[in-house]
Amino acid sequence: MSRKKGKTISFDAMVKFFMQNYDIPTKKDVDKLMAKLDLLENLIRQTASGTNNVTSGASRRRTAMTAVDIVLDSIKQAKQGLGFAEIQTKTGFDEKKIRNIIFRLNKTGKIKRKRRGIYIAA
């Protein structure tokens, strides 16, 4: 018996399949990256030449505080340390967010564990 042949696959379709599955960048992707690099180079040149209107560091710091800053300030204000529940009521953040922030602050050495569940500023 003869084998029944299925639909043939075009070469272009195979190339597209492999490029998508193996995350091979296309010409379009490379062009986007090149445009972004050009933009960054221009910004660096402007900053280096001083033509950019960069404000002083003090005025840049007036931006909104991050969640990490809020938790750290809450802990710094409490001299005897702050418990997890107290941090949660002061900041209003959910449990998972506070646990992640406390982990990062402890890892970077900005806070210390006084005892289980009580944190003080380092």
PDB file of N, CA and C in Angstrom:
ATOM      1  N   MET A   1       0.826  -1.176   0.000  1.00  0.00           N
ATOM      2  CA  MET A   1       0.000   0.000   0.000  1.00  0.00           C
ATOM      3  C   MET A   1       0.873   1.243   0.000  1.00  0.00           C
ATOM      4  N   SER A   2       0.366   2.219  -0.642  1.00  0.00           N
ATOM      5  CA  SER A   2       1.116   3.464  -0.689  1.00  0.00           C
ATOM      6  C   SER A   2       0.758   4.319   0.521  1.00  0.00           C
ATOM      7  N   ARG A   3       1.726   5.075   0.938  1.00  0.00           N
ATOM      8  CA  ARG A   3       1.516   5.964   2.080  1.00  0.00           C
ATOM      9  C   ARG A   3       0.772   7.210   1.654  1.00  0.00           C
ATOM     10  N   LYS A   4      -0.126   7.630   2.481  1.00  0.00           N
ATOM     11  CA  LYS A   4      -0.854   8.853   2.189  1.00  0.00           C
ATOM     12  C   LYS A   4      -0.016  10.024   2.689  1.00  0.00           C
ATOM     13  N   LYS A   5       0.301  10.932   1.798  1.00  0.00           N
ATOM     14  CA  LYS A   5       1.121  12.086   2.188  1.00  0.00           C
ATOM     15  C   LYS A   5       0.224  13.197   2.706  1.00  0.00           C
ATOM     16  N   GLY A   6       0.675  13.793   3.771  1.00  0.00           N
ATOM     17  CA  GLY A   6      -0.060  14.908   4.350  1.00  0.00           C
ATOM     18  C   GLY A   6       0.323  16.213   3.667  1.00  0.00           C
ATOM     19  N   LYS A   7      -0.140  17.265   4.218  1.00  0.00           N
ATOM     20  CA  LYS A   7       0.138  18.589   3.685  1.00  0.00           C
ATOM     21  C   LYS A   7       1.618  18.891   3.865  1.00  0.00           C
ATOM     22  N   THR A   8       2.252  19.385   2.829  1.00  0.00           N
ATOM     23  CA  THR A   8       3.673  19.719   2.943  1.00  0.00           C
ATOM     24  C   THR A   8       3.814  21.039   3.675  1.00  0.00           C
ATOM     25  N   ILE A   9       4.887  21.111   4.413  1.00  0.00           N
ATOM     26  CA  ILE A   9       5.163  22.312   5.201  1.00  0.00           C
ATOM     27  C   ILE A   9       6.167  23.157   4.441  1.00  0.00           C
ATOM     28  N   SER A  10       5.889  24.426   4.336  1.00  0.00           N
ATOM     29  CA  SER A  10       6.796  25.310   3.606  1.00  0.00           C
ATOM     30  C   SER A  10       8.042  25.589   4.443  1.00  0.00           C
ATOM     31  N   PHE A  11       9.083  25.935   3.763  1.00  0.00           N
ATOM     32  CA  PHE A  11      10.351  26.244   4.423  1.00  0.00           C
ATOM     33  C   PHE A  11      10.193  27.459   5.332  1.00  0.00           C
ATOM     34  N   ASP A  12       9.457  28.473   4.868  1.00  0.00           N
ATOM     35  CA  ASP A  12       9.244  29.685   5.672  1.00  0.00           C
ATOM     36  C   ASP A  12       8.517  29.366   6.974  1.00  0.00           C
ATOM     37  N   ALA A  13       7.546  28.462   6.905  1.00  0.00           N
ATOM     38  CA  ALA A  13       6.811  28.085   8.112  1.00  0.00           C
ATOM     39  C   ALA A  13       7.717  27.368   9.102  1.00  0.00           C
ATOM     40  N   MET A  14       8.608  26.525   8.604  1.00  0.00           N
ATOM     41  CA  MET A  14       9.551  25.832   9.496  1.00  0.00           C
ATOM     42  C   MET A  14      10.509  26.812  10.152  1.00  0.00           C
ATOM     43  N   VAL A  15      11.015  27.760   9.393  1.00  0.00           N
ATOM     44  CA  VAL A  15      11.934  28.757   9.938  1.00  0.00           C
ATOM     45  C   VAL A  15      11.228  29.580  11.008  1.00  0.00           C
ATOM     46  N   LYS A  16      10.016  30.014  10.711  1.00  0.00           N
ATOM     47  CA  LYS A  16       9.248  30.796  11.683  1.00  0.00           C
ATOM     48  C   LYS A  16       8.994  29.994  12.959  1.00  0.00           C
ATOM     49  N   PHE A  17       8.653  28.719  12.808  1.00  0.00           N
ATOM     50  CA  PHE A  17       8.420  27.843  13.951  1.00  0.00           C
ATOM     51  C   PHE A  17       9.663  27.769  14.837  1.00  0.00           C
ATOM     52  N   PHE A  18      10.834  27.512  14.253  1.00  0.00           N
ATOM     53  CA  PHE A  18      12.058  27.397  15.036  1.00  0.00           C
ATOM     54  C   PHE A  18      12.452  28.725  15.669  1.00  0.00           C
ATOM     55  N   MET A  19      12.255  29.821  14.983  1.00  0.00           N
ATOM     56  CA  MET A  19      12.600  31.130  15.547  1.00  0.00           C
ATOM     57  C   MET A  19      11.734  31.449  16.752  1.00  0.00           C
ATOM     58  N   GLN A  20      10.461  31.080  16.689  1.00  0.00           N
ATOM     59  CA  GLN A  20       9.572  31.349  17.806  1.00  0.00           C
ATOM     60  C   GLN A  20       9.856  30.431  18.987  1.00  0.00           C
ATOM     61  N   ASN A  21      10.095  29.153  18.722  1.00  0.00           N
ATOM     62  CA  ASN A  21      10.290  28.193  19.805  1.00  0.00           C
ATOM     63  C   ASN A  21      11.649  28.317  20.478  1.00  0.00           C
ATOM     64  N   TYR A  22      12.661  28.771  19.754  1.00  0.00           N
ATOM     65  CA  TYR A  22      13.999  28.888  20.326  1.00  0.00           C
ATOM     66  C   TYR A  22      14.384  30.326  20.627  1.00  0.00           C
ATOM     67  N   ASP A  23      13.399  31.214  20.638  1.00  0.00           N
ATOM     68  CA  ASP A  23      13.607  32.622  20.977  1.00  0.00           C
ATOM     69  C   ASP A  23      14.753  33.249  20.196  1.00  0.00           C
ATOM     70  N   ILE A  24      14.773  33.044  18.921  1.00  0.00           N
ATOM     71  CA  ILE A  24      15.774  33.659  18.053  1.00  0.00           C
ATOM     72  C   ILE A  24      15.220  35.013  17.618  1.00  0.00           C
ATOM     73  N   PRO A  25      15.945  36.088  17.850  1.00  0.00           N
ATOM     74  CA  PRO A  25      15.418  37.409  17.498  1.00  0.00           C
ATOM     75  C   PRO A  25      15.307  37.605  15.979  1.00  0.00           C
ATOM     76  N   THR A  26      14.283  38.328  15.607  1.00  0.00           N
ATOM     77  CA  THR A  26      14.082  38.641  14.195  1.00  0.00           C
ATOM     78  C   THR A  26      14.743  39.968  13.870  1.00  0.00           C
ATOM     79  N   LYS A  27      14.752  40.327  12.620  1.00  0.00           N
ATOM     80  CA  LYS A  27      15.329  41.609  12.198  1.00  0.00           C
ATOM     81  C   LYS A  27      14.574  42.754  12.858  1.00  0.00           C
ATOM     82  N   LYS A  28      13.264  42.593  12.989  1.00  0.00           N
ATOM     83  CA  LYS A  28      12.438  43.610  13.632  1.00  0.00           C
ATOM     84  C   LYS A  28      12.862  43.808  15.095  1.00  0.00           C
ATOM     85  N   ASP A  29      13.122  42.708  15.805  1.00  0.00           N
ATOM     86  CA  ASP A  29      13.565  42.788  17.200  1.00  0.00           C
ATOM     87  C   ASP A  29      14.905  43.501  17.311  1.00  0.00           C
ATOM     88  N   VAL A  30      15.816  43.174  16.423  1.00  0.00           N
ATOM     89  CA  VAL A  30      17.143  43.792  16.436  1.00  0.00           C
ATOM     90  C   VAL A  30      17.036  45.280  16.128  1.00  0.00           C
ATOM     91  N   ASP A  31      16.172  45.649  15.202  1.00  0.00           N
ATOM     92  CA  ASP A  31      15.982  47.066  14.875  1.00  0.00           C
ATOM     93  C   ASP A  31      15.434  47.845  16.069  1.00  0.00           C
ATOM     94  N   LYS A  32      14.501  47.233  16.811  1.00  0.00           N
ATOM     95  CA  LYS A  32      13.968  47.885  18.017  1.00  0.00           C
ATOM     96  C   LYS A  32      15.069  48.104  19.050  1.00  0.00           C
ATOM     97  N   LEU A  33      15.903  47.089  19.245  1.00  0.00           N
ATOM     98  CA  LEU A  33      17.007  47.213  20.200  1.00  0.00           C
ATOM     99  C   LEU A  33      17.989  48.301  19.775  1.00  0.00           C
ATOM    100  N   MET A  34      18.269  48.356  18.481  1.00  0.00           N
ATOM    101  CA  MET A  34      19.195  49.376  17.989  1.00  0.00           C
ATOM    102  C   MET A  34      18.627  50.782  18.208  1.00  0.00           C
ATOM    103  N   ALA A  35      17.324  50.950  18.005  1.00  0.00           N
ATOM    104  CA  ALA A  35      16.699  52.247  18.229  1.00  0.00           C
ATOM    105  C   ALA A  35      16.784  52.642  19.705  1.00  0.00           C
ATOM    106  N   LYS A  36      16.574  51.684  20.593  1.00  0.00           N
ATOM    107  CA  LYS A  36      16.675  51.968  22.023  1.00  0.00           C
ATOM    108  C   LYS A  36      18.111  52.310  22.417  1.00  0.00           C
ATOM    109  N   LEU A  37      19.072  51.602  21.845  1.00  0.00           N
ATOM    110  CA  LEU A  37      20.474  51.901  22.130  1.00  0.00           C
ATOM    111  C   LEU A  37      20.846  53.302  21.656  1.00  0.00           C
ATOM    112  N   ASP A  38      20.358  53.679  20.478  1.00  0.00           N
ATOM    113  CA  ASP A  38      20.627  55.031  19.974  1.00  0.00           C
ATOM    114  C   ASP A  38      20.058  56.082  20.909  1.00  0.00           C
ATOM    115  N   LEU A  39      18.853  55.839  21.402  1.00  0.00           N
ATOM    116  CA  LEU A  39      18.229  56.770  22.340  1.00  0.00           C
ATOM    117  C   LEU A  39      19.054  56.887  23.617  1.00  0.00           C
ATOM    118  N   LEU A  40      19.498  55.747  24.146  1.00  0.00           N
ATOM    119  CA  LEU A  40      20.327  55.772  25.361  1.00  0.00           C
ATOM    120  C   LEU A  40      21.643  56.491  25.129  1.00  0.00           C
ATOM    121  N   GLU A  41      22.269  56.261  23.994  1.00  0.00           N
ATOM    122  CA  GLU A  41      23.528  56.943  23.687  1.00  0.00           C
ATOM    123  C   GLU A  41      23.332  58.450  23.620  1.00  0.00           C
ATOM    124  N   ASN A  42      22.237  58.881  23.021  1.00  0.00           N
ATOM    125  CA  ASN A  42      21.959  60.316  22.955  1.00  0.00           C
ATOM    126  C   ASN A  42      21.743  60.909  24.345  1.00  0.00           C
ATOM    127  N   LEU A  43      21.024  60.179  25.202  1.00  0.00           N
ATOM    128  CA  LEU A  43      20.816  60.653  26.572  1.00  0.00           C
ATOM    129  C   LEU A  43      22.129  60.748  27.337  1.00  0.00           C
ATOM    130  N   ILE A  44      23.000  59.772  27.137  1.00  0.00           N
ATOM    131  CA  ILE A  44      24.301  59.796  27.813  1.00  0.00           C
ATOM    132  C   ILE A  44      25.124  60.984  27.334  1.00  0.00           C
ATOM    133  N   ARG A  45      25.100  61.235  26.033  1.00  0.00           N
ATOM    134  CA  ARG A  45      25.841  62.384  25.489  1.00  0.00           C
ATOM    135  C   ARG A  45      25.301  63.691  26.048  1.00  0.00           C
ATOM    136  N   GLN A  46      23.976  63.821  26.126  1.00  0.00           N
ATOM    137  CA  GLN A  46      23.379  65.041  26.667  1.00  0.00           C
ATOM    138  C   GLN A  46      23.764  65.241  28.118  1.00  0.00           C
ATOM    139  N   THR A  47      23.748  64.174  28.881  1.00  0.00           N
ATOM    140  CA  THR A  47      24.095  64.264  30.295  1.00  0.00           C
ATOM    141  C   THR A  47      25.568  64.610  30.468  1.00  0.00           C
ATOM    142  N   ALA A  48      26.415  63.995  29.668  1.00  0.00           N
ATOM    143  CA  ALA A  48      27.851  64.246  29.777  1.00  0.00           C
ATOM    144  C   ALA A  48      28.205  65.663  29.356  1.00  0.00           C
ATOM    145  N   SER A  49      27.518  66.200  28.369  1.00  0.00           N
ATOM    146  CA  SER A  49      27.835  67.544  27.898  1.00  0.00           C
ATOM    147  C   SER A  49      27.191  68.612  28.759  1.00  0.00           C
ATOM    148  N   GLY A  50      26.270  68.231  29.621  1.00  0.00           N
ATOM    149  CA  GLY A  50      25.641  69.188  30.527  1.00  0.00           C
ATOM    150  C   GLY A  50      24.480  69.932  29.903  1.00  0.00           C
ATOM    151  N   THR A  51      24.009  69.533  28.749  1.00  0.00           N
ATOM    152  CA  THR A  51      22.889  70.229  28.122  1.00  0.00           C
ATOM    153  C   THR A  51      21.556  69.781  28.660  1.00  0.00           C
ATOM    154  N   ASN A  52      21.535  68.694  29.364  1.00  0.00           N
ATOM    155  CA  ASN A  52      20.295  68.193  29.939  1.00  0.00           C
ATOM    156  C   ASN A  52      19.956  69.005  31.183  1.00  0.00           C
ATOM    157  N   ASN A  53      18.715  69.318  31.391  1.00  0.00           N
ATOM    158  CA  ASN A  53      18.292  70.096  32.553  1.00  0.00           C
ATOM    159  C   ASN A  53      18.099  69.180  33.749  1.00  0.00           C
ATOM    160  N   VAL A  54      19.177  68.734  34.326  1.00  0.00           N
ATOM    161  CA  VAL A  54      19.110  67.855  35.482  1.00  0.00           C
ATOM    162  C   VAL A  54      19.033  68.721  36.724  1.00  0.00           C
ATOM    163  N   THR A  55      18.071  68.437  37.587  1.00  0.00           N
ATOM    164  CA  THR A  55      17.917  69.204  38.813  1.00  0.00           C
ATOM    165  C   THR A  55      18.809  68.631  39.892  1.00  0.00           C
ATOM    166  N   SER A  56      18.896  69.330  40.978  1.00  0.00           N
ATOM    167  CA  SER A  56      19.755  68.875  42.072  1.00  0.00           C
ATOM    168  C   SER A  56      19.215  67.610  42.694  1.00  0.00           C
ATOM    169  N   GLY A  57      20.050  66.903  43.439  1.00  0.00           N
ATOM    170  CA  GLY A  57      19.659  65.638  44.053  1.00  0.00           C
ATOM    171  C   GLY A  57      18.549  65.796  45.069  1.00  0.00           C
ATOM    172  N   ALA A  58      18.492  66.940  45.759  1.00  0.00           N
ATOM    173  CA  ALA A  58      17.474  67.139  46.779  1.00  0.00           C
ATOM    174  C   ALA A  58      16.077  67.187  46.179  1.00  0.00           C
ATOM    175  N   SER A  59      15.936  67.828  45.045  1.00  0.00           N
ATOM    176  CA  SER A  59      14.603  67.915  44.460  1.00  0.00           C
ATOM    177  C   SER A  59      14.183  66.598  43.825  1.00  0.00           C
ATOM    178  N   ARG A  60      15.136  65.774  43.406  1.00  0.00           N
ATOM    179  CA  ARG A  60      14.796  64.471  42.849  1.00  0.00           C
ATOM    180  C   ARG A  60      14.288  63.533  43.926  1.00  0.00           C
ATOM    181  N   ARG A  61      14.710  63.712  45.141  1.00  0.00           N
ATOM    182  CA  ARG A  61      14.327  62.804  46.227  1.00  0.00           C
ATOM    183  C   ARG A  61      12.930  63.080  46.754  1.00  0.00           C
ATOM    184  N   ARG A  62      12.283  64.105  46.275  1.00  0.00           N
ATOM    185  CA  ARG A  62      10.946  64.426  46.750  1.00  0.00           C
ATOM    186  C   ARG A  62       9.879  63.569  46.088  1.00  0.00           C
ATOM    187  N   THR A  63      10.279  62.550  45.379  1.00  0.00           N
ATOM    188  CA  THR A  63       9.315  61.672  44.735  1.00  0.00           C
ATOM    189  C   THR A  63       8.613  60.824  45.789  1.00  0.00           C
ATOM    190  N   ALA A  64       7.588  60.134  45.388  1.00  0.00           N
ATOM    191  CA  ALA A  64       6.815  59.311  46.310  1.00  0.00           C
ATOM    192  C   ALA A  64       7.698  58.218  46.917  1.00  0.00           C
ATOM    193  N   MET A  65       7.439  57.914  48.172  1.00  0.00           N
ATOM    194  CA  MET A  65       8.220  56.896  48.864  1.00  0.00           C
ATOM    195  C   MET A  65       7.820  55.517  48.370  1.00  0.00           C
ATOM    196  N   THR A  66       8.778  54.628  48.313  1.00  0.00           N
ATOM    197  CA  THR A  66       8.484  53.257  47.922  1.00  0.00           C
ATOM    198  C   THR A  66       7.940  52.496  49.124  1.00  0.00           C
ATOM    199  N   ALA A  67       7.411  51.329  48.875  1.00  0.00           N
ATOM    200  CA  ALA A  67       6.867  50.507  49.953  1.00  0.00           C
ATOM    201  C   ALA A  67       7.961  50.123  50.939  1.00  0.00           C
ATOM    202  N   VAL A  68       9.159  49.868  50.426  1.00  0.00           N
ATOM    203  CA  VAL A  68      10.291  49.519  51.301  1.00  0.00           C
ATOM    204  C   VAL A  68      10.611  50.685  52.226  1.00  0.00           C
ATOM    205  N   ASP A  69      10.613  51.917  51.682  1.00  0.00           N
ATOM    206  CA  ASP A  69      10.892  53.101  52.497  1.00  0.00           C
ATOM    207  C   ASP A  69       9.844  53.297  53.582  1.00  0.00           C
ATOM    208  N   ILE A  70       8.592  53.041  53.241  1.00  0.00           N
ATOM    209  CA  ILE A  70       7.511  53.212  54.217  1.00  0.00           C
ATOM    210  C   ILE A  70       7.666  52.229  55.370  1.00  0.00           C
ATOM    211  N   VAL A  71       7.944  50.968  55.055  1.00  0.00           N
ATOM    212  CA  VAL A  71       8.117  49.954  56.102  1.00  0.00           C
ATOM    213  C   VAL A  71       9.349  50.271  56.944  1.00  0.00           C
ATOM    214  N   LEU A  72      10.442  50.658  56.291  1.00  0.00           N
ATOM    215  CA  LEU A  72      11.673  50.972  57.017  1.00  0.00           C
ATOM    216  C   LEU A  72      11.473  52.170  57.943  1.00  0.00           C
ATOM    217  N   ASP A  73      10.780  53.203  57.485  1.00  0.00           N
ATOM    218  CA  ASP A  73      10.511  54.361  58.340  1.00  0.00           C
ATOM    219  C   ASP A  73       9.638  53.985  59.531  1.00  0.00           C
ATOM    220  N   SER A  74       8.667  53.110  59.313  1.00  0.00           N
ATOM    221  CA  SER A  74       7.814  52.662  60.419  1.00  0.00           C
ATOM    222  C   SER A  74       8.644  51.944  61.474  1.00  0.00           C
ATOM    223  N   ILE A  75       9.568  51.112  61.029  1.00  0.00           N
ATOM    224  CA  ILE A  75      10.411  50.366  61.965  1.00  0.00           C
ATOM    225  C   ILE A  75      11.373  51.307  62.672  1.00  0.00           C
ATOM    226  N   LYS A  76      11.915  52.291  61.963  1.00  0.00           N
ATOM    227  CA  LYS A  76      12.851  53.250  62.569  1.00  0.00           C
ATOM    228  C   LYS A  76      12.180  54.092  63.651  1.00  0.00           C
ATOM    229  N   GLN A  77      10.906  54.422  63.467  1.00  0.00           N
ATOM    230  CA  GLN A  77      10.196  55.258  64.437  1.00  0.00           C
ATOM    231  C   GLN A  77       9.962  54.542  65.759  1.00  0.00           C
ATOM    232  N   ALA A  78       9.859  53.228  65.729  1.00  0.00           N
ATOM    233  CA  ALA A  78       9.616  52.459  66.950  1.00  0.00           C
ATOM    234  C   ALA A  78      10.961  52.105  67.584  1.00  0.00           C
ATOM    235  N   LYS A  79      11.232  52.642  68.737  1.00  0.00           N
ATOM    236  CA  LYS A  79      12.526  52.418  69.405  1.00  0.00           C
ATOM    237  C   LYS A  79      12.653  50.997  69.947  1.00  0.00           C
ATOM    238  N   GLN A  80      11.551  50.433  70.445  1.00  0.00           N
ATOM    239  CA  GLN A  80      11.581  49.092  71.027  1.00  0.00           C
ATOM    240  C   GLN A  80      11.392  48.002  69.979  1.00  0.00           C
ATOM    241  N   GLY A  81      11.208  48.393  68.745  1.00  0.00           N
ATOM    242  CA  GLY A  81      10.971  47.419  67.690  1.00  0.00           C
ATOM    243  C   GLY A  81       9.505  47.371  67.331  1.00  0.00           C
ATOM    244  N   LEU A  82       9.237  46.775  66.211  1.00  0.00           N
ATOM    245  CA  LEU A  82       7.872  46.737  65.714  1.00  0.00           C
ATOM    246  C   LEU A  82       7.537  45.319  65.299  1.00  0.00           C
ATOM    247  N   GLY A  83       6.355  44.864  65.680  1.00  0.00           N
ATOM    248  CA  GLY A  83       5.905  43.534  65.315  1.00  0.00           C
ATOM    249  C   GLY A  83       5.283  43.517  63.933  1.00  0.00           C
ATOM    250  N   PHE A  84       5.105  42.324  63.418  1.00  0.00           N
ATOM    251  CA  PHE A  84       4.571  42.162  62.076  1.00  0.00           C
ATOM    252  C   PHE A  84       3.170  42.766  61.967  1.00  0.00           C
ATOM    253  N   ALA A  85       2.325  42.484  62.937  1.00  0.00           N
ATOM    254  CA  ALA A  85       0.946  42.988  62.900  1.00  0.00           C
ATOM    255  C   ALA A  85       0.921  44.510  62.987  1.00  0.00           C
ATOM    256  N   GLU A  86       1.825  45.088  63.782  1.00  0.00           N
ATOM    257  CA  GLU A  86       1.885  46.545  63.906  1.00  0.00           C
ATOM    258  C   GLU A  86       2.326  47.185  62.597  1.00  0.00           C
ATOM    259  N   ILE A  87       3.283  46.546  61.926  1.00  0.00           N
ATOM    260  CA  ILE A  87       3.730  47.053  60.629  1.00  0.00           C
ATOM    261  C   ILE A  87       2.563  47.015  59.646  1.00  0.00           C
ATOM    262  N   GLN A  88       1.802  45.941  59.700  1.00  0.00           N
ATOM    263  CA  GLN A  88       0.679  45.782  58.786  1.00  0.00           C
ATOM    264  C   GLN A  88      -0.392  46.850  59.030  1.00  0.00           C
ATOM    265  N   THR A  89      -0.670  47.158  60.286  1.00  0.00           N
ATOM    266  CA  THR A  89      -1.684  48.185  60.568  1.00  0.00           C
ATOM    267  C   THR A  89      -1.181  49.575  60.217  1.00  0.00           C
ATOM    268  N   LYS A  90       0.104  49.852  60.459  1.00  0.00           N
ATOM    269  CA  LYS A  90       0.657  51.174  60.143  1.00  0.00           C
ATOM    270  C   LYS A  90       0.721  51.428  58.642  1.00  0.00           C
ATOM    271  N   THR A  91       1.128  50.425  57.887  1.00  0.00           N
ATOM    272  CA  THR A  91       1.336  50.628  56.454  1.00  0.00           C
ATOM    273  C   THR A  91       0.100  50.319  55.621  1.00  0.00           C
ATOM    274  N   GLY A  92      -0.696  49.359  56.051  1.00  0.00           N
ATOM    275  CA  GLY A  92      -1.865  48.963  55.285  1.00  0.00           C
ATOM    276  C   GLY A  92      -1.557  47.986  54.158  1.00  0.00           C
ATOM    277  N   PHE A  93      -0.313  47.495  54.102  1.00  0.00           N
ATOM    278  CA  PHE A  93       0.071  46.543  53.061  1.00  0.00           C
ATOM    279  C   PHE A  93      -0.403  45.144  53.437  1.00  0.00           C
ATOM    280  N   ASP A  94      -0.552  44.290  52.425  1.00  0.00           N
ATOM    281  CA  ASP A  94      -0.968  42.922  52.703  1.00  0.00           C
ATOM    282  C   ASP A  94       0.216  42.107  53.238  1.00  0.00           C
ATOM    283  N   GLU A  95      -0.110  40.952  53.779  1.00  0.00           N
ATOM    284  CA  GLU A  95       0.863  40.114  54.480  1.00  0.00           C
ATOM    285  C   GLU A  95       2.038  39.699  53.604  1.00  0.00           C
ATOM    286  N   LYS A  96       1.765  39.264  52.395  1.00  0.00           N
ATOM    287  CA  LYS A  96       2.815  38.786  51.488  1.00  0.00           C
ATOM    288  C   LYS A  96       3.805  39.903  51.152  1.00  0.00           C
ATOM    289  N   LYS A  97       3.291  41.094  50.904  1.00  0.00           N
ATOM    290  CA  LYS A  97       4.145  42.228  50.560  1.00  0.00           C
ATOM    291  C   LYS A  97       5.061  42.581  51.728  1.00  0.00           C
ATOM    292  N   ILE A  98       4.519  42.595  52.925  1.00  0.00           N
ATOM    293  CA  ILE A  98       5.327  42.932  54.102  1.00  0.00           C
ATOM    294  C   ILE A  98       6.378  41.860  54.349  1.00  0.00           C
ATOM    295  N   ARG A  99       6.025  40.604  54.196  1.00  0.00           N
ATOM    296  CA  ARG A  99       7.005  39.526  54.386  1.00  0.00           C
ATOM    297  C   ARG A  99       8.164  39.662  53.404  1.00  0.00           C
ATOM    298  N   ASN A 100       7.859  39.966  52.145  1.00  0.00           N
ATOM    299  CA  ASN A 100       8.919  40.144  51.152  1.00  0.00           C
ATOM    300  C   ASN A 100       9.792  41.347  51.474  1.00  0.00           C
ATOM    301  N   ILE A 101       9.176  42.445  51.895  1.00  0.00           N
ATOM    302  CA  ILE A 101       9.943  43.650  52.232  1.00  0.00           C
ATOM    303  C   ILE A 101      10.831  43.395  53.437  1.00  0.00           C
ATOM    304  N   ILE A 102      10.296  42.752  54.470  1.00  0.00           N
ATOM    305  CA  ILE A 102      11.084  42.460  55.672  1.00  0.00           C
ATOM    306  C   ILE A 102      12.247  41.537  55.324  1.00  0.00           C
ATOM    307  N   PHE A 103      11.993  40.546  54.488  1.00  0.00           N
ATOM    308  CA  PHE A 103      13.071  39.645  54.067  1.00  0.00           C
ATOM    309  C   PHE A 103      14.191  40.426  53.389  1.00  0.00           C
ATOM    310  N   ARG A 104      13.826  41.312  52.440  1.00  0.00           N
ATOM    311  CA  ARG A 104      14.846  42.092  51.723  1.00  0.00           C
ATOM    312  C   ARG A 104      15.592  43.042  52.644  1.00  0.00           C
ATOM    313  N   LEU A 105      14.863  43.716  53.538  1.00  0.00           N
ATOM    314  CA  LEU A 105      15.514  44.643  54.462  1.00  0.00           C
ATOM    315  C   LEU A 105      16.457  43.913  55.405  1.00  0.00           C
ATOM    316  N   ASN A 106      16.054  42.732  55.864  1.00  0.00           N
ATOM    317  CA  ASN A 106      16.909  41.931  56.740  1.00  0.00           C
ATOM    318  C   ASN A 106      18.145  41.442  55.987  1.00  0.00           C
ATOM    319  N   LYS A 107      17.946  41.028  54.753  1.00  0.00           N
ATOM    320  CA  LYS A 107      19.055  40.523  53.941  1.00  0.00           C
ATOM    321  C   LYS A 107      20.080  41.619  53.643  1.00  0.00           C
ATOM    322  N   THR A 108      19.608  42.853  53.399  1.00  0.00           N
ATOM    323  CA  THR A 108      20.523  43.962  53.113  1.00  0.00           C
ATOM    324  C   THR A 108      21.118  44.564  54.379  1.00  0.00           C
ATOM    325  N   GLY A 109      20.615  44.153  55.534  1.00  0.00           N
ATOM    326  CA  GLY A 109      21.191  44.620  56.796  1.00  0.00           C
ATOM    327  C   GLY A 109      20.604  45.929  57.293  1.00  0.00           C
ATOM    328  N   LYS A 110      19.489  46.367  56.756  1.00  0.00           N
ATOM    329  CA  LYS A 110      18.886  47.627  57.192  1.00  0.00           C
ATOM    330  C   LYS A 110      18.048  47.451  58.449  1.00  0.00           C
ATOM    331  N   ILE A 111      17.559  46.236  58.680  1.00  0.00           N
ATOM    332  CA  ILE A 111      16.838  45.936  59.912  1.00  0.00           C
ATOM    333  C   ILE A 111      17.418  44.658  60.507  1.00  0.00           C
ATOM    334  N   LYS A 112      17.138  44.465  61.800  1.00  0.00           N
ATOM    335  CA  LYS A 112      17.568  43.246  62.491  1.00  0.00           C
ATOM    336  C   LYS A 112      16.370  42.658  63.209  1.00  0.00           C
ATOM    337  N   ARG A 113      16.453  41.357  63.435  1.00  0.00           N
ATOM    338  CA  ARG A 113      15.424  40.679  64.211  1.00  0.00           C
ATOM    339  C   ARG A 113      15.774  40.775  65.685  1.00  0.00           C
ATOM    340  N   LYS A 114      14.953  41.451  66.469  1.00  0.00           N
ATOM    341  CA  LYS A 114      15.186  41.526  67.906  1.00  0.00           C
ATOM    342  C   LYS A 114      14.828  40.194  68.533  1.00  0.00           C
ATOM    343  N   ARG A 115      13.686  39.680  68.169  1.00  0.00           N
ATOM    344  CA  ARG A 115      13.242  38.325  68.501  1.00  0.00           C
ATOM    345  C   ARG A 115      12.197  37.956  67.477  1.00  0.00           C
ATOM    346  N   ARG A 116      11.626  36.806  67.614  1.00  0.00           N
ATOM    347  CA  ARG A 116      10.704  36.333  66.597  1.00  0.00           C
ATOM    348  C   ARG A 116       9.535  37.310  66.401  1.00  0.00           C
ATOM    349  N   GLY A 117       9.420  37.837  65.197  1.00  0.00           N
ATOM    350  CA  GLY A 117       8.323  38.718  64.849  1.00  0.00           C
ATOM    351  C   GLY A 117       8.513  40.166  65.242  1.00  0.00           C
ATOM    352  N   ILE A 118       9.631  40.507  65.862  1.00  0.00           N
ATOM    353  CA  ILE A 118       9.911  41.882  66.260  1.00  0.00           C
ATOM    354  C   ILE A 118      11.157  42.343  65.534  1.00  0.00           C
ATOM    355  N   TYR A 119      11.060  43.483  64.856  1.00  0.00           N
ATOM    356  CA  TYR A 119      12.160  43.987  64.025  1.00  0.00           C
ATOM    357  C   TYR A 119      12.555  45.383  64.485  1.00  0.00           C
ATOM    358  N   ILE A 120      13.870  45.643  64.468  1.00  0.00           N
ATOM    359  CA  ILE A 120      14.396  46.963  64.820  1.00  0.00           C
ATOM    360  C   ILE A 120      15.308  47.430  63.684  1.00  0.00           C
ATOM    361  N   ALA A 121      15.491  48.741  63.603  1.00  0.00           N
ATOM    362  CA  ALA A 121      16.382  49.306  62.588  1.00  0.00           C
ATOM    363  C   ALA A 121      17.822  48.999  62.965  1.00  0.00           C
ATOM    364  N   ALA A 122      18.628  48.706  61.961  1.00  0.00           N
ATOM    365  CA  ALA A 122      20.037  48.361  62.214  1.00  0.00           C
ATOM    366  C   ALA A 122      20.883  49.600  62.393  1.00  0.00           C
TER     367      ALA A 122
END
